[in-house]
Amino acid sequence: MSLFSKLKSGSEALETAKQVQDETHKTQTEIELLKDKVEKLTQICHSLWQIIMENLHLEEAVLEEKVKEIEELDEAPPVQCVSCGRPIHIKKRKCVFCGAGQPDRGFFNTL
């Protein structure tokens, strides 16, 4: 292998390393932004939780039970679209495939 080809492959490796480093930095920045957003949403949820308990005079156990119900719906198996028959999540009001409106399956009444 000639000295020129070694230099060329070395510079290509450095360029690739720089691209990977830049991409890693970008990803780390995005992760930090997401962490900040999650923290902000956590604070908002906690505040709303307190307002609900205080203004509606609900016990924390009632709210925790509602959270549990919603979590169970998130794990529910898909249902069939009334129009195209393709599987969609129970919480979808419209089919993501054909756009057809779906009947109320009780989820929106539980909130």
C-alpha atoms as a PDB file:
ATOM      1  CA  MET A   1       0.000   0.000   0.000  1.00  0.00           C
ATOM      2  CA  SER A   2       1.455   3.354  -0.961  1.00  0.00           C
ATOM      3  CA  LEU A   3       1.958   6.208   1.429  1.00  0.00           C
ATOM      4  CA  PHE A   4      -0.651   8.289  -0.492  1.00  0.00           C
ATOM      5  CA  SER A   5      -3.356   5.655  -0.089  1.00  0.00           C
ATOM      6  CA  LYS A   6      -2.562   5.334   3.651  1.00  0.00           C
ATOM      7  CA  LEU A   7      -2.897   9.103   4.053  1.00  0.00           C
ATOM      8  CA  LYS A   8      -6.139   9.115   2.096  1.00  0.00           C
ATOM      9  CA  SER A   9      -7.682   6.346   4.187  1.00  0.00           C
ATOM     10  CA  GLY A  10      -6.449   8.055   7.356  1.00  0.00           C
ATOM     11  CA  SER A  11      -8.116  11.333   6.420  1.00  0.00           C
ATOM     12  CA  GLU A  12     -11.318   9.469   5.537  1.00  0.00           C
ATOM     13  CA  ALA A  13     -11.217   7.807   8.946  1.00  0.00           C
ATOM     14  CA  LEU A  14     -10.734  11.180  10.633  1.00  0.00           C
ATOM     15  CA  GLU A  15     -13.648  12.635   8.674  1.00  0.00           C
ATOM     16  CA  THR A  16     -15.852   9.688   9.632  1.00  0.00           C
ATOM     17  CA  ALA A  17     -14.797  10.028  13.270  1.00  0.00           C
ATOM     18  CA  LYS A  18     -15.659  13.741  13.169  1.00  0.00           C
ATOM     19  CA  GLN A  19     -19.102  12.978  11.716  1.00  0.00           C
ATOM     20  CA  VAL A  20     -19.747  10.371  14.419  1.00  0.00           C
ATOM     21  CA  GLN A  21     -18.608  12.807  17.098  1.00  0.00           C
ATOM     22  CA  ASP A  22     -20.900  15.532  15.731  1.00  0.00           C
ATOM     23  CA  GLU A  23     -23.841  13.119  15.574  1.00  0.00           C
ATOM     24  CA  THR A  24     -23.145  11.950  19.127  1.00  0.00           C
ATOM     25  CA  HIS A  25     -23.101  15.535  20.378  1.00  0.00           C
ATOM     26  CA  LYS A  26     -26.365  16.260  18.558  1.00  0.00           C
ATOM     27  CA  THR A  27     -27.982  13.165  20.065  1.00  0.00           C
ATOM     28  CA  GLN A  28     -26.792  14.062  23.555  1.00  0.00           C
ATOM     29  CA  THR A  29     -28.240  17.553  23.157  1.00  0.00           C
ATOM     30  CA  GLU A  30     -31.583  16.117  22.028  1.00  0.00           C
ATOM     31  CA  ILE A  31     -31.611  13.749  25.008  1.00  0.00           C
ATOM     32  CA  GLU A  32     -31.019  16.647  27.391  1.00  0.00           C
ATOM     33  CA  LEU A  33     -33.873  18.616  25.793  1.00  0.00           C
ATOM     34  CA  LEU A  34     -36.163  15.600  26.157  1.00  0.00           C
ATOM     35  CA  LYS A  35     -35.158  15.200  29.796  1.00  0.00           C
ATOM     36  CA  ASP A  36     -36.045  18.854  30.381  1.00  0.00           C
ATOM     37  CA  LYS A  37     -39.421  18.386  28.693  1.00  0.00           C
ATOM     38  CA  VAL A  38     -40.171  15.271  30.737  1.00  0.00           C
ATOM     39  CA  GLU A  39     -39.293  17.142  33.934  1.00  0.00           C
ATOM     40  CA  LYS A  40     -41.572  20.027  32.949  1.00  0.00           C
ATOM     41  CA  LEU A  41     -44.439  17.642  32.127  1.00  0.00           C
ATOM     42  CA  THR A  42     -43.899  15.874  35.449  1.00  0.00           C
ATOM     43  CA  GLN A  43     -44.217  19.199  37.268  1.00  0.00           C
ATOM     44  CA  ILE A  44     -47.370  20.076  35.317  1.00  0.00           C
ATOM     45  CA  CYS A  45     -48.938  16.667  36.060  1.00  0.00           C
ATOM     46  CA  HIS A  46     -48.114  17.003  39.743  1.00  0.00           C
ATOM     47  CA  SER A  47     -49.669  20.480  39.834  1.00  0.00           C
ATOM     48  CA  LEU A  48     -52.811  19.307  38.037  1.00  0.00           C
ATOM     49  CA  TRP A  49     -53.030  16.315  40.367  1.00  0.00           C
ATOM     50  CA  GLN A  50     -52.971  18.656  43.384  1.00  0.00           C
ATOM     51  CA  ILE A  51     -55.571  21.001  41.863  1.00  0.00           C
ATOM     52  CA  ILE A  52     -57.901  18.080  41.102  1.00  0.00           C
ATOM     53  CA  MET A  53     -57.586  16.635  44.600  1.00  0.00           C
ATOM     54  CA  GLU A  54     -58.116  20.004  46.276  1.00  0.00           C
ATOM     55  CA  ASN A  55     -60.952  21.351  44.113  1.00  0.00           C
ATOM     56  CA  LEU A  56     -62.896  18.125  43.629  1.00  0.00           C
ATOM     57  CA  HIS A  57     -62.111  16.785  47.096  1.00  0.00           C
ATOM     58  CA  LEU A  58     -60.904  13.483  45.706  1.00  0.00           C
ATOM     59  CA  GLU A  59     -58.664  11.076  47.506  1.00  0.00           C
ATOM     60  CA  GLU A  60     -55.362  10.195  45.895  1.00  0.00           C
ATOM     61  CA  ALA A  61     -56.491   6.561  45.617  1.00  0.00           C
ATOM     62  CA  VAL A  62     -59.326   7.588  43.253  1.00  0.00           C
ATOM     63  CA  LEU A  63     -56.889   9.341  40.939  1.00  0.00           C
ATOM     64  CA  GLU A  64     -54.440   6.436  41.097  1.00  0.00           C
ATOM     65  CA  GLU A  65     -57.219   4.030  40.102  1.00  0.00           C
ATOM     66  CA  LYS A  66     -58.056   6.214  37.086  1.00  0.00           C
ATOM     67  CA  VAL A  67     -54.392   6.234  36.048  1.00  0.00           C
ATOM     68  CA  LYS A  68     -54.376   2.440  36.316  1.00  0.00           C
ATOM     69  CA  GLU A  69     -57.480   2.213  34.076  1.00  0.00           C
ATOM     70  CA  ILE A  70     -55.833   4.386  31.438  1.00  0.00           C
ATOM     71  CA  GLU A  71     -52.605   2.377  31.582  1.00  0.00           C
ATOM     72  CA  GLU A  72     -54.608  -0.809  31.008  1.00  0.00           C
ATOM     73  CA  LEU A  73     -56.192   0.753  27.905  1.00  0.00           C
ATOM     74  CA  ASP A  74     -52.720   1.564  26.589  1.00  0.00           C
ATOM     75  CA  GLU A  75     -51.925  -2.153  26.814  1.00  0.00           C
ATOM     76  CA  ALA A  76     -55.242  -3.217  25.258  1.00  0.00           C
ATOM     77  CA  PRO A  77     -55.119  -5.301  22.095  1.00  0.00           C
ATOM     78  CA  PRO A  78     -55.980  -3.507  18.861  1.00  0.00           C
ATOM     79  CA  VAL A  79     -59.552  -3.337  17.608  1.00  0.00           C
ATOM     80  CA  GLN A  80     -60.718  -3.451  13.999  1.00  0.00           C
ATOM     81  CA  CYS A  81     -61.594  -0.336  12.051  1.00  0.00           C
ATOM     82  CA  VAL A  82     -65.326  -0.268  11.338  1.00  0.00           C
ATOM     83  CA  SER A  83     -64.632   0.672   7.724  1.00  0.00           C
ATOM     84  CA  CYS A  84     -61.487  -1.091   6.474  1.00  0.00           C
ATOM     85  CA  GLY A  85     -61.098  -3.755   9.169  1.00  0.00           C
ATOM     86  CA  ARG A  86     -57.438  -2.997   9.818  1.00  0.00           C
ATOM     87  CA  PRO A  87     -56.167  -3.112  13.416  1.00  0.00           C
ATOM     88  CA  ILE A  88     -56.081   0.216  15.264  1.00  0.00           C
ATOM     89  CA  HIS A  89     -55.595   1.233  18.889  1.00  0.00           C
ATOM     90  CA  ILE A  90     -58.778   1.384  20.949  1.00  0.00           C
ATOM     91  CA  LYS A  91     -58.201   5.074  21.736  1.00  0.00           C
ATOM     92  CA  LYS A  92     -58.136   6.210  18.092  1.00  0.00           C
ATOM     93  CA  ARG A  93     -61.172   8.247  17.045  1.00  0.00           C
ATOM     94  CA  LYS A  94     -60.238   7.884  13.383  1.00  0.00           C
ATOM     95  CA  CYS A  95     -58.596   5.020  11.518  1.00  0.00           C
ATOM     96  CA  VAL A  96     -54.961   5.804  10.778  1.00  0.00           C
ATOM     97  CA  PHE A  97     -55.240   3.856   7.518  1.00  0.00           C
ATOM     98  CA  CYS A  98     -58.540   4.947   5.908  1.00  0.00           C
ATOM     99  CA  GLY A  99     -59.518   7.944   8.049  1.00  0.00           C
ATOM    100  CA  ALA A 100     -62.951   6.572   8.953  1.00  0.00           C
ATOM    101  CA  GLY A 101     -64.467   7.751  12.215  1.00  0.00           C
ATOM    102  CA  GLN A 102     -64.705   5.109  14.920  1.00  0.00           C
ATOM    103  CA  PRO A 103     -67.514   4.530  17.414  1.00  0.00           C
ATOM    104  CA  ASP A 104     -67.038   5.574  21.013  1.00  0.00           C
ATOM    105  CA  ARG A 105     -65.511   2.541  22.664  1.00  0.00           C
ATOM    106  CA  GLY A 106     -65.757   3.979  26.140  1.00  0.00           C
ATOM    107  CA  PHE A 107     -62.233   5.332  26.483  1.00  0.00           C
ATOM    108  CA  PHE A 108     -63.146   8.989  26.085  1.00  0.00           C
ATOM    109  CA  ASN A 109     -65.945   8.643  28.633  1.00  0.00           C
ATOM    110  CA  THR A 110     -63.461   7.376  31.208  1.00  0.00           C
ATOM    111  CA  LEU A 111     -61.393  10.550  31.304  1.00  0.00           C
END
